[in-house]
C-alpha cells in the first residue's frame, strides 16, 4: 500500500473535464470552439500562441505561389456559389496577392 508521499506524486487517472463543458453561456461556448483548430473558420485570426494552429498554417501555405493563388481562387468561387460574398472577396484578394498582381 503506497504511503502519502507516493500518492501525491502519482498523476490523476481518468477523463479530464473539457473546457467547453464549463462555458457560462452560448457565446463563451462558441468562442471556445472557434479556438479549437477543428472548428476554426479562419487561421489568420487564431493568434500565435497555439502550436497546432501554427502547424496548420505552415501546411496551408506550403505550395508554390501560382498553385496557392489558384486554390484561393477556387475557394473564393465556392464561397461565391454559397452566397458568402464577403468570404469570397477575402479569398479572391488573397489569391491576387499570391499571384503577384500587387506588383504589376
PDB file of N, CA and C in Angstrom:
ATOM      1  N   UNK A   1       0.847  -1.173   0.000  1.00  0.00           N
ATOM      2  CA  UNK A   1       0.000   0.000   0.000  1.00  0.00           C
ATOM      3  C   UNK A   1       0.893   1.236   0.000  1.00  0.00           C
ATOM      4  N   UNK A   2       0.696   2.198  -0.941  1.00  0.00           N
ATOM      5  CA  UNK A   2       1.565   3.360  -1.033  1.00  0.00           C
ATOM      6  C   UNK A   2       1.303   4.315   0.128  1.00  0.00           C
ATOM      7  N   UNK A   3       2.402   4.932   0.556  1.00  0.00           N
ATOM      8  CA  UNK A   3       2.238   5.930   1.612  1.00  0.00           C
ATOM      9  C   UNK A   3       1.813   7.263   1.001  1.00  0.00           C
ATOM     10  N   UNK A   4       1.549   8.275   1.833  1.00  0.00           N
ATOM     11  CA  UNK A   4       1.030   9.560   1.361  1.00  0.00           C
ATOM     12  C   UNK A   4       1.993  10.288   0.430  1.00  0.00           C
ATOM     13  N   UNK A   5       3.305  10.160   0.659  1.00  0.00           N
ATOM     14  CA  UNK A   5       4.263  10.857  -0.192  1.00  0.00           C
ATOM     15  C   UNK A   5       4.262  10.302  -1.607  1.00  0.00           C
ATOM     16  N   UNK A   6       4.041   9.012  -1.769  1.00  0.00           N
ATOM     17  CA  UNK A   6       3.975   8.409  -3.093  1.00  0.00           C
ATOM     18  C   UNK A   6       2.675   8.772  -3.790  1.00  0.00           C
ATOM     19  N   UNK A   7       1.591   8.821  -3.024  1.00  0.00           N
ATOM     20  CA  UNK A   7       0.283   9.107  -3.605  1.00  0.00           C
ATOM     21  C   UNK A   7       0.231  10.519  -4.175  1.00  0.00           C
ATOM     22  N   UNK A   8       0.919  11.450  -3.597  1.00  0.00           N
ATOM     23  CA  UNK A   8       0.871  12.822  -4.112  1.00  0.00           C
ATOM     24  C   UNK A   8       1.692  12.975  -5.383  1.00  0.00           C
ATOM     25  N   UNK A   9       2.573  12.053  -5.670  1.00  0.00           N
ATOM     26  CA  UNK A   9       3.407  12.137  -6.865  1.00  0.00           C
ATOM     27  C   UNK A   9       2.762  11.495  -8.079  1.00  0.00           C
ATOM     28  N   UNK A  10       1.766  10.663  -7.884  1.00  0.00           N
ATOM     29  CA  UNK A  10       1.125   9.971  -8.992  1.00  0.00           C
ATOM     30  C   UNK A  10       0.187  10.919  -9.747  1.00  0.00           C
ATOM     31  N   UNK A  11       0.185  10.841 -11.072  1.00  0.00           N
ATOM     32  CA  UNK A  11      -0.739  11.683 -11.839  1.00  0.00           C
ATOM     33  C   UNK A  11      -2.162  11.166 -11.688  1.00  0.00           C
ATOM     34  N   UNK A  12      -3.113  12.069 -11.863  1.00  0.00           N
ATOM     35  CA  UNK A  12      -4.507  11.653 -11.823  1.00  0.00           C
ATOM     36  C   UNK A  12      -4.813  10.836 -13.069  1.00  0.00           C
ATOM     37  N   UNK A  13      -5.619   9.827 -12.890  1.00  0.00           N
ATOM     38  CA  UNK A  13      -6.004   8.962 -13.994  1.00  0.00           C
ATOM     39  C   UNK A  13      -7.499   9.128 -14.214  1.00  0.00           C
ATOM     40  N   UNK A  14      -7.889   9.170 -15.460  1.00  0.00           N
ATOM     41  CA  UNK A  14      -9.304   9.287 -15.779  1.00  0.00           C
ATOM     42  C   UNK A  14      -9.542  10.456 -16.705  1.00  0.00           C
ATOM     43  N   UNK A  15     -10.795  10.644 -17.078  1.00  0.00           N
ATOM     44  CA  UNK A  15     -11.102  11.728 -18.018  1.00  0.00           C
ATOM     45  C   UNK A  15     -10.864  13.092 -17.398  1.00  0.00           C
ATOM     46  N   UNK A  16     -10.412  14.000 -18.248  1.00  0.00           N
ATOM     47  CA  UNK A  16     -10.184  15.373 -17.823  1.00  0.00           C
ATOM     48  C   UNK A  16     -11.351  16.198 -18.357  1.00  0.00           C
ATOM     49  N   UNK A  17     -11.988  17.006 -17.503  1.00  0.00           N
ATOM     50  CA  UNK A  17     -13.123  17.807 -17.984  1.00  0.00           C
ATOM     51  C   UNK A  17     -12.698  18.746 -19.106  1.00  0.00           C
ATOM     52  N   UNK A  18     -13.507  18.821 -20.119  1.00  0.00           N
ATOM     53  CA  UNK A  18     -13.248  19.702 -21.247  1.00  0.00           C
ATOM     54  C   UNK A  18     -13.542  21.139 -20.853  1.00  0.00           C
ATOM     55  N   UNK A  19     -12.716  22.098 -21.320  1.00  0.00           N
ATOM     56  CA  UNK A  19     -13.028  23.499 -21.014  1.00  0.00           C
ATOM     57  C   UNK A  19     -14.346  23.932 -21.647  1.00  0.00           C
ATOM     58  N   UNK A  20     -14.756  23.248 -22.707  1.00  0.00           N
ATOM     59  CA  UNK A  20     -16.010  23.584 -23.374  1.00  0.00           C
ATOM     60  C   UNK A  20     -17.198  23.248 -22.478  1.00  0.00           C
ATOM     61  N   UNK A  21     -17.068  22.217 -21.660  1.00  0.00           N
ATOM     62  CA  UNK A  21     -18.187  21.821 -20.808  1.00  0.00           C
ATOM     63  C   UNK A  21     -18.444  22.822 -19.695  1.00  0.00           C
ATOM     64  N   UNK A  22     -17.526  23.765 -19.491  1.00  0.00           N
ATOM     65  CA  UNK A  22     -17.673  24.745 -18.429  1.00  0.00           C
ATOM     66  C   UNK A  22     -18.008  26.135 -18.961  1.00  0.00           C
ATOM     67  N   UNK A  23     -18.562  26.211 -20.140  1.00  0.00           N
ATOM     68  CA  UNK A  23     -18.899  27.511 -20.725  1.00  0.00           C
ATOM     69  C   UNK A  23     -20.067  28.127 -19.968  1.00  0.00           C
ATOM     70  N   UNK A  24     -19.972  29.437 -19.719  1.00  0.00           N
ATOM     71  CA  UNK A  24     -21.020  30.136 -18.981  1.00  0.00           C
ATOM     72  C   UNK A  24     -22.263  30.366 -19.829  1.00  0.00           C
ATOM     73  N   UNK A  25     -22.071  30.631 -21.104  1.00  0.00           N
ATOM     74  CA  UNK A  25     -23.211  30.873 -21.976  1.00  0.00           C
ATOM     75  C   UNK A  25     -22.857  30.442 -23.394  1.00  0.00           C
ATOM     76  N   UNK A  26     -23.783  30.610 -24.297  1.00  0.00           N
ATOM     77  CA  UNK A  26     -23.585  30.161 -25.677  1.00  0.00           C
ATOM     78  C   UNK A  26     -22.432  30.895 -26.359  1.00  0.00           C
ATOM     79  N   UNK A  27     -22.298  32.199 -26.114  1.00  0.00           N
ATOM     80  CA  UNK A  27     -21.211  32.967 -26.739  1.00  0.00           C
ATOM     81  C   UNK A  27     -19.847  32.448 -26.285  1.00  0.00           C
ATOM     82  N   UNK A  28     -19.728  32.126 -24.988  1.00  0.00           N
ATOM     83  CA  UNK A  28     -18.472  31.565 -24.487  1.00  0.00           C
ATOM     84  C   UNK A  28     -18.181  30.219 -25.136  1.00  0.00           C
ATOM     85  N   UNK A  29     -19.218  29.416 -25.282  1.00  0.00           N
ATOM     86  CA  UNK A  29     -19.055  28.099 -25.904  1.00  0.00           C
ATOM     87  C   UNK A  29     -18.577  28.240 -27.346  1.00  0.00           C
ATOM     88  N   UNK A  30     -19.206  29.140 -28.083  1.00  0.00           N
ATOM     89  CA  UNK A  30     -18.822  29.352 -29.484  1.00  0.00           C
ATOM     90  C   UNK A  30     -17.381  29.849 -29.565  1.00  0.00           C
ATOM     91  N   UNK A  31     -17.006  30.781 -28.692  1.00  0.00           N
ATOM     92  CA  UNK A  31     -15.641  31.310 -28.689  1.00  0.00           C
ATOM     93  C   UNK A  31     -14.624  30.207 -28.389  1.00  0.00           C
ATOM     94  N   UNK A  32     -14.926  29.348 -27.425  1.00  0.00           N
ATOM     95  CA  UNK A  32     -14.009  28.261 -27.075  1.00  0.00           C
ATOM     96  C   UNK A  32     -13.908  27.248 -28.211  1.00  0.00           C
ATOM     97  N   UNK A  33     -15.028  26.965 -28.868  1.00  0.00           N
ATOM     98  CA  UNK A  33     -14.981  26.036 -30.003  1.00  0.00           C
ATOM     99  C   UNK A  33     -14.157  26.614 -31.144  1.00  0.00           C
ATOM    100  N   UNK A  34     -14.313  27.903 -31.413  1.00  0.00           N
ATOM    101  CA  UNK A  34     -13.566  28.523 -32.510  1.00  0.00           C
ATOM    102  C   UNK A  34     -12.075  28.628 -32.217  1.00  0.00           C
ATOM    103  N   UNK A  35     -11.673  28.454 -30.968  1.00  0.00           N
ATOM    104  CA  UNK A  35     -10.244  28.457 -30.659  1.00  0.00           C
ATOM    105  C   UNK A  35      -9.641  27.064 -30.824  1.00  0.00           C
ATOM    106  N   UNK A  36     -10.477  26.090 -31.174  1.00  0.00           N
ATOM    107  CA  UNK A  36     -10.043  24.726 -31.438  1.00  0.00           C
ATOM    108  C   UNK A  36      -9.858  24.574 -32.943  1.00  0.00           C
ATOM    109  N   UNK A  37      -8.714  24.072 -33.406  1.00  0.00           N
ATOM    110  CA  UNK A  37      -8.471  24.004 -34.855  1.00  0.00           C
ATOM    111  C   UNK A  37      -9.589  23.338 -35.661  1.00  0.00           C
ATOM    112  N   UNK A  38     -10.255  22.352 -35.106  1.00  0.00           N
ATOM    113  CA  UNK A  38     -11.311  21.662 -35.844  1.00  0.00           C
ATOM    114  C   UNK A  38     -12.470  22.589 -36.190  1.00  0.00           C
ATOM    115  N   UNK A  39     -12.753  23.564 -35.342  1.00  0.00           N
ATOM    116  CA  UNK A  39     -13.902  24.438 -35.529  1.00  0.00           C
ATOM    117  C   UNK A  39     -13.539  25.847 -35.983  1.00  0.00           C
ATOM    118  N   UNK A  40     -12.289  26.106 -36.257  1.00  0.00           N
ATOM    119  CA  UNK A  40     -11.876  27.447 -36.670  1.00  0.00           C
ATOM    120  C   UNK A  40     -12.384  27.750 -38.068  1.00  0.00           C
ATOM    121  N   UNK A  41     -12.753  29.007 -38.255  1.00  0.00           N
ATOM    122  CA  UNK A  41     -13.194  29.431 -39.578  1.00  0.00           C
ATOM    123  C   UNK A  41     -12.116  30.226 -40.300  1.00  0.00           C
ATOM    124  N   UNK A  42     -11.098  30.687 -39.552  1.00  0.00           N
ATOM    125  CA  UNK A  42     -10.028  31.463 -40.168  1.00  0.00           C
ATOM    126  C   UNK A  42      -8.742  31.285 -39.367  1.00  0.00           C
ATOM    127  N   UNK A  43      -7.722  30.754 -39.996  1.00  0.00           N
ATOM    128  CA  UNK A  43      -6.449  30.536 -39.301  1.00  0.00           C
ATOM    129  C   UNK A  43      -5.742  31.843 -38.971  1.00  0.00           C
ATOM    130  N   UNK A  44      -5.988  32.893 -39.739  1.00  0.00           N
ATOM    131  CA  UNK A  44      -5.296  34.161 -39.514  1.00  0.00           C
ATOM    132  C   UNK A  44      -5.715  34.822 -38.211  1.00  0.00           C
ATOM    133  N   UNK A  45      -6.927  34.559 -37.745  1.00  0.00           N
ATOM    134  CA  UNK A  45      -7.416  35.172 -36.511  1.00  0.00           C
ATOM    135  C   UNK A  45      -7.116  34.331 -35.277  1.00  0.00           C
ATOM    136  N   UNK A  46      -6.414  33.234 -35.436  1.00  0.00           N
ATOM    137  CA  UNK A  46      -6.215  32.298 -34.335  1.00  0.00           C
ATOM    138  C   UNK A  46      -5.174  32.748 -33.329  1.00  0.00           C
ATOM    139  N   UNK A  47      -4.299  33.638 -33.706  1.00  0.00           N
ATOM    140  CA  UNK A  47      -3.235  34.050 -32.800  1.00  0.00           C
ATOM    141  C   UNK A  47      -2.025  33.145 -32.967  1.00  0.00           C
ATOM    142  N   UNK A  48      -0.940  33.515 -32.319  1.00  0.00           N
ATOM    143  CA  UNK A  48       0.303  32.774 -32.493  1.00  0.00           C
ATOM    144  C   UNK A  48       0.659  31.915 -31.290  1.00  0.00           C
ATOM    145  N   UNK A  49      -0.210  31.828 -30.299  1.00  0.00           N
ATOM    146  CA  UNK A  49       0.111  31.084 -29.090  1.00  0.00           C
ATOM    147  C   UNK A  49      -0.309  29.617 -29.162  1.00  0.00           C
ATOM    148  N   UNK A  50      -0.853  29.183 -30.272  1.00  0.00           N
ATOM    149  CA  UNK A  50      -1.324  27.817 -30.413  1.00  0.00           C
ATOM    150  C   UNK A  50      -0.434  27.071 -31.409  1.00  0.00           C
ATOM    151  N   UNK A  51       0.406  26.129 -30.927  1.00  0.00           N
ATOM    152  CA  UNK A  51       1.322  25.424 -31.841  1.00  0.00           C
ATOM    153  C   UNK A  51       0.602  24.609 -32.911  1.00  0.00           C
ATOM    154  N   UNK A  52      -0.563  24.067 -32.601  1.00  0.00           N
ATOM    155  CA  UNK A  52      -1.308  23.289 -33.591  1.00  0.00           C
ATOM    156  C   UNK A  52      -1.753  24.183 -34.740  1.00  0.00           C
ATOM    157  N   UNK A  53      -2.170  25.390 -34.421  1.00  0.00           N
ATOM    158  CA  UNK A  53      -2.605  26.329 -35.455  1.00  0.00           C
ATOM    159  C   UNK A  53      -1.417  26.761 -36.306  1.00  0.00           C
ATOM    160  N   UNK A  54      -0.297  26.995 -35.683  1.00  0.00           N
ATOM    161  CA  UNK A  54       0.900  27.377 -36.434  1.00  0.00           C
ATOM    162  C   UNK A  54       1.306  26.263 -37.400  1.00  0.00           C
ATOM    163  N   UNK A  55       1.182  25.016 -36.972  1.00  0.00           N
ATOM    164  CA  UNK A  55       1.493  23.883 -37.855  1.00  0.00           C
ATOM    165  C   UNK A  55       0.518  23.831 -39.018  1.00  0.00           C
ATOM    166  N   UNK A  56      -0.759  24.084 -38.761  1.00  0.00           N
ATOM    167  CA  UNK A  56      -1.755  24.099 -39.833  1.00  0.00           C
ATOM    168  C   UNK A  56      -1.483  25.225 -40.824  1.00  0.00           C
ATOM    169  N   UNK A  57      -1.067  26.386 -40.307  1.00  0.00           N
ATOM    170  CA  UNK A  57      -0.735  27.499 -41.206  1.00  0.00           C
ATOM    171  C   UNK A  57       0.422  27.130 -42.118  1.00  0.00           C
ATOM    172  N   UNK A  58       1.416  26.459 -41.570  1.00  0.00           N
ATOM    173  CA  UNK A  58       2.565  26.044 -42.367  1.00  0.00           C
ATOM    174  C   UNK A  58       2.118  25.108 -43.482  1.00  0.00           C
ATOM    175  N   UNK A  59       1.249  24.171 -43.157  1.00  0.00           N
ATOM    176  CA  UNK A  59       0.742  23.244 -44.173  1.00  0.00           C
ATOM    177  C   UNK A  59      -0.114  23.971 -45.205  1.00  0.00           C
ATOM    178  N   UNK A  60      -0.913  24.909 -44.748  1.00  0.00           N
ATOM    179  CA  UNK A  60      -1.825  25.606 -45.650  1.00  0.00           C
ATOM    180  C   UNK A  60      -1.079  26.438 -46.685  1.00  0.00           C
ATOM    181  N   UNK A  61       0.091  26.960 -46.327  1.00  0.00           N
ATOM    182  CA  UNK A  61       0.808  27.852 -47.218  1.00  0.00           C
ATOM    183  C   UNK A  61       2.064  27.212 -47.814  1.00  0.00           C
ATOM    184  N   UNK A  62       2.134  25.891 -47.779  1.00  0.00           N
ATOM    185  CA  UNK A  62       3.328  25.188 -48.236  1.00  0.00           C
ATOM    186  C   UNK A  62       3.150  24.692 -49.669  1.00  0.00           C
ATOM    187  N   UNK A  63       3.024  25.629 -50.615  1.00  0.00           N
ATOM    188  CA  UNK A  63       2.927  25.290 -52.033  1.00  0.00           C
ATOM    189  C   UNK A  63       3.382  26.493 -52.855  1.00  0.00           C
ATOM    190  N   UNK A  64       3.666  26.282 -54.117  1.00  0.00           N
ATOM    191  CA  UNK A  64       4.121  27.397 -54.962  1.00  0.00           C
ATOM    192  C   UNK A  64       3.058  28.506 -55.028  1.00  0.00           C
ATOM    193  N   UNK A  65       3.489  29.760 -55.180  1.00  0.00           N
ATOM    194  CA  UNK A  65       2.536  30.880 -55.196  1.00  0.00           C
ATOM    195  C   UNK A  65       1.436  30.752 -56.253  1.00  0.00           C
ATOM    196  N   UNK A  66       1.794  30.259 -57.440  1.00  0.00           N
ATOM    197  CA  UNK A  66       0.784  30.128 -58.501  1.00  0.00           C
ATOM    198  C   UNK A  66      -0.292  29.122 -58.102  1.00  0.00           C
ATOM    199  N   UNK A  67       0.139  28.011 -57.496  1.00  0.00           N
ATOM    200  CA  UNK A  67      -0.814  26.986 -57.067  1.00  0.00           C
ATOM    201  C   UNK A  67      -1.671  27.501 -55.910  1.00  0.00           C
ATOM    202  N   UNK A  68      -1.039  28.222 -54.999  1.00  0.00           N
ATOM    203  CA  UNK A  68      -1.764  28.792 -53.874  1.00  0.00           C
ATOM    204  C   UNK A  68      -2.814  29.782 -54.386  1.00  0.00           C
ATOM    205  N   UNK A  69      -2.440  30.612 -55.350  1.00  0.00           N
ATOM    206  CA  UNK A  69      -3.380  31.583 -55.921  1.00  0.00           C
ATOM    207  C   UNK A  69      -4.569  30.869 -56.557  1.00  0.00           C
ATOM    208  N   UNK A  70      -4.305  29.797 -57.284  1.00  0.00           N
ATOM    209  CA  UNK A  70      -5.390  29.050 -57.926  1.00  0.00           C
ATOM    210  C   UNK A  70      -6.304  28.408 -56.889  1.00  0.00           C
ATOM    211  N   UNK A  71      -5.725  27.842 -55.822  1.00  0.00           N
ATOM    212  CA  UNK A  71      -6.534  27.229 -54.770  1.00  0.00           C
ATOM    213  C   UNK A  71      -7.395  28.269 -54.047  1.00  0.00           C
ATOM    214  N   UNK A  72      -6.824  29.443 -53.793  1.00  0.00           N
ATOM    215  CA  UNK A  72      -7.591  30.502 -53.149  1.00  0.00           C
ATOM    216  C   UNK A  72      -8.714  30.999 -54.063  1.00  0.00           C
ATOM    217  N   UNK A  73      -8.443  31.091 -55.351  1.00  0.00           N
ATOM    218  CA  UNK A  73      -9.485  31.498 -56.300  1.00  0.00           C
ATOM    219  C   UNK A  73     -10.606  30.461 -56.323  1.00  0.00           C
ATOM    220  N   UNK A  74     -10.245  29.190 -56.324  1.00  0.00           N
ATOM    221  CA  UNK A  74     -11.248  28.117 -56.315  1.00  0.00           C
ATOM    222  C   UNK A  74     -12.101  28.193 -55.059  1.00  0.00           C
ATOM    223  N   UNK A  75     -11.465  28.424 -53.919  1.00  0.00           N
ATOM    224  CA  UNK A  75     -12.223  28.560 -52.668  1.00  0.00           C
ATOM    225  C   UNK A  75     -13.117  29.794 -52.717  1.00  0.00           C
ATOM    226  N   UNK A  76     -12.625  30.875 -53.314  1.00  0.00           N
ATOM    227  CA  UNK A  76     -13.451  32.065 -53.495  1.00  0.00           C
ATOM    228  C   UNK A  76     -14.673  31.765 -54.350  1.00  0.00           C
ATOM    229  N   UNK A  77     -14.484  30.995 -55.400  1.00  0.00           N
ATOM    230  CA  UNK A  77     -15.615  30.596 -56.247  1.00  0.00           C
ATOM    231  C   UNK A  77     -16.636  29.779 -55.470  1.00  0.00           C
ATOM    232  N   UNK A  78     -16.159  28.869 -54.618  1.00  0.00           N
ATOM    233  CA  UNK A  78     -17.064  28.056 -53.800  1.00  0.00           C
ATOM    234  C   UNK A  78     -17.862  28.937 -52.831  1.00  0.00           C
ATOM    235  N   UNK A  79     -17.180  29.889 -52.206  1.00  0.00           N
ATOM    236  CA  UNK A  79     -17.866  30.795 -51.280  1.00  0.00           C
ATOM    237  C   UNK A  79     -18.883  31.668 -52.031  1.00  0.00           C
ATOM    238  N   UNK A  80     -18.534  32.072 -53.247  1.00  0.00           N
ATOM    239  CA  UNK A  80     -19.452  32.871 -54.055  1.00  0.00           C
ATOM    240  C   UNK A  80     -20.712  32.070 -54.384  1.00  0.00           C
ATOM    241  N   UNK A  81     -20.535  30.804 -54.735  1.00  0.00           N
ATOM    242  CA  UNK A  81     -21.689  29.942 -55.040  1.00  0.00           C
ATOM    243  C   UNK A  81     -22.599  29.784 -53.824  1.00  0.00           C
ATOM    244  N   UNK A  82     -21.993  29.800 -52.633  1.00  0.00           N
ATOM    245  CA  UNK A  82     -22.769  29.677 -51.392  1.00  0.00           C
ATOM    246  C   UNK A  82     -23.334  31.021 -50.932  1.00  0.00           C
ATOM    247  N   UNK A  83     -23.098  32.064 -51.751  1.00  0.00           N
ATOM    248  CA  UNK A  83     -23.544  33.429 -51.469  1.00  0.00           C
ATOM    249  C   UNK A  83     -22.877  34.026 -50.223  1.00  0.00           C
ATOM    250  N   UNK A  84     -21.686  33.530 -49.901  1.00  0.00           N
ATOM    251  CA  UNK A  84     -20.864  34.117 -48.841  1.00  0.00           C
ATOM    252  C   UNK A  84     -19.926  35.115 -49.508  1.00  0.00           C
ATOM    253  N   UNK A  85     -20.481  36.238 -49.913  1.00  0.00           N
ATOM    254  CA  UNK A  85     -19.751  37.177 -50.755  1.00  0.00           C
ATOM    255  C   UNK A  85     -18.544  37.796 -50.049  1.00  0.00           C
ATOM    256  N   UNK A  86     -18.683  38.116 -48.791  1.00  0.00           N
ATOM    257  CA  UNK A  86     -17.542  38.699 -48.065  1.00  0.00           C
ATOM    258  C   UNK A  86     -16.380  37.718 -47.980  1.00  0.00           C
ATOM    259  N   UNK A  87     -16.688  36.468 -47.696  1.00  0.00           N
ATOM    260  CA  UNK A  87     -15.636  35.447 -47.647  1.00  0.00           C
ATOM    261  C   UNK A  87     -15.024  35.256 -49.027  1.00  0.00           C
ATOM    262  N   UNK A  88     -15.853  35.279 -50.059  1.00  0.00           N
ATOM    263  CA  UNK A  88     -15.356  35.127 -51.427  1.00  0.00           C
ATOM    264  C   UNK A  88     -14.371  36.246 -51.762  1.00  0.00           C
ATOM    265  N   UNK A  89     -14.709  37.468 -51.388  1.00  0.00           N
ATOM    266  CA  UNK A  89     -13.821  38.605 -51.652  1.00  0.00           C
ATOM    267  C   UNK A  89     -12.494  38.420 -50.923  1.00  0.00           C
ATOM    268  N   UNK A  90     -12.543  37.916 -49.692  1.00  0.00           N
ATOM    269  CA  UNK A  90     -11.306  37.676 -48.938  1.00  0.00           C
ATOM    270  C   UNK A  90     -10.406  36.686 -49.681  1.00  0.00           C
ATOM    271  N   UNK A  91     -11.013  35.600 -50.178  1.00  0.00           N
ATOM    272  CA  UNK A  91     -10.222  34.588 -50.893  1.00  0.00           C
ATOM    273  C   UNK A  91      -9.688  35.143 -52.209  1.00  0.00           C
ATOM    274  N   UNK A  92     -10.510  35.899 -52.935  1.00  0.00           N
ATOM    275  CA  UNK A  92     -10.043  36.484 -54.193  1.00  0.00           C
ATOM    276  C   UNK A  92      -8.893  37.455 -53.950  1.00  0.00           C
ATOM    277  N   UNK A  93      -9.006  38.266 -52.897  1.00  0.00           N
ATOM    278  CA  UNK A  93      -7.956  39.230 -52.574  1.00  0.00           C
ATOM    279  C   UNK A  93      -6.649  38.516 -52.242  1.00  0.00           C
ATOM    280  N   UNK A  94      -6.739  37.468 -51.441  1.00  0.00           N
ATOM    281  CA  UNK A  94      -5.538  36.704 -51.097  1.00  0.00           C
ATOM    282  C   UNK A  94      -4.960  36.023 -52.335  1.00  0.00           C
ATOM    283  N   UNK A  95      -5.822  35.563 -53.231  1.00  0.00           N
ATOM    284  CA  UNK A  95      -5.342  34.929 -54.466  1.00  0.00           C
ATOM    285  C   UNK A  95      -4.547  35.927 -55.301  1.00  0.00           C
ATOM    286  N   UNK A  96      -5.038  37.152 -55.383  1.00  0.00           N
ATOM    287  CA  UNK A  96      -4.322  38.179 -56.144  1.00  0.00           C
ATOM    288  C   UNK A  96      -2.971  38.487 -55.516  1.00  0.00           C
ATOM    289  N   UNK A  97      -2.901  38.496 -54.188  1.00  0.00           N
ATOM    290  CA  UNK A  97      -1.636  38.754 -53.509  1.00  0.00           C
ATOM    291  C   UNK A  97      -0.620  37.654 -53.822  1.00  0.00           C
ATOM    292  N   UNK A  98      -1.057  36.398 -53.813  1.00  0.00           N
ATOM    293  CA  UNK A  98      -0.142  35.291 -54.104  1.00  0.00           C
ATOM    294  C   UNK A  98       0.252  35.255 -55.570  1.00  0.00           C
ATOM    295  N   UNK A  99      -0.630  35.699 -56.413  1.00  0.00           N
ATOM    296  CA  UNK A  99      -0.366  35.663 -57.841  1.00  0.00           C
ATOM    297  C   UNK A  99       0.562  36.797 -58.269  1.00  0.00           C
ATOM    298  N   UNK A 100       0.824  37.742 -57.367  1.00  0.00           N
ATOM    299  CA  UNK A 100       1.746  38.814 -57.667  1.00  0.00           C
ATOM    300  C   UNK A 100       1.129  40.007 -58.358  1.00  0.00           C
ATOM    301  N   UNK A 101      -0.186  40.121 -58.361  1.00  0.00           N
ATOM    302  CA  UNK A 101      -0.824  41.242 -59.050  1.00  0.00           C
ATOM    303  C   UNK A 101      -0.548  42.589 -58.390  1.00  0.00           C
ATOM    304  N   UNK A 102      -0.212  42.603 -57.084  1.00  0.00           N
ATOM    305  CA  UNK A 102       0.059  43.887 -56.458  1.00  0.00           C
ATOM    306  C   UNK A 102       1.368  44.491 -56.956  1.00  0.00           C
ATOM    307  N   UNK A 103       2.209  43.688 -57.589  1.00  0.00           N
ATOM    308  CA  UNK A 103       3.495  44.178 -58.117  1.00  0.00           C
ATOM    309  C   UNK A 103       3.397  44.617 -59.575  1.00  0.00           C
ATOM    310  N   UNK A 104       2.265  44.472 -60.188  1.00  0.00           N
ATOM    311  CA  UNK A 104       2.126  44.809 -61.615  1.00  0.00           C
ATOM    312  C   UNK A 104       1.671  46.217 -61.805  1.00  0.00           C
TER     313      UNK A 104
END
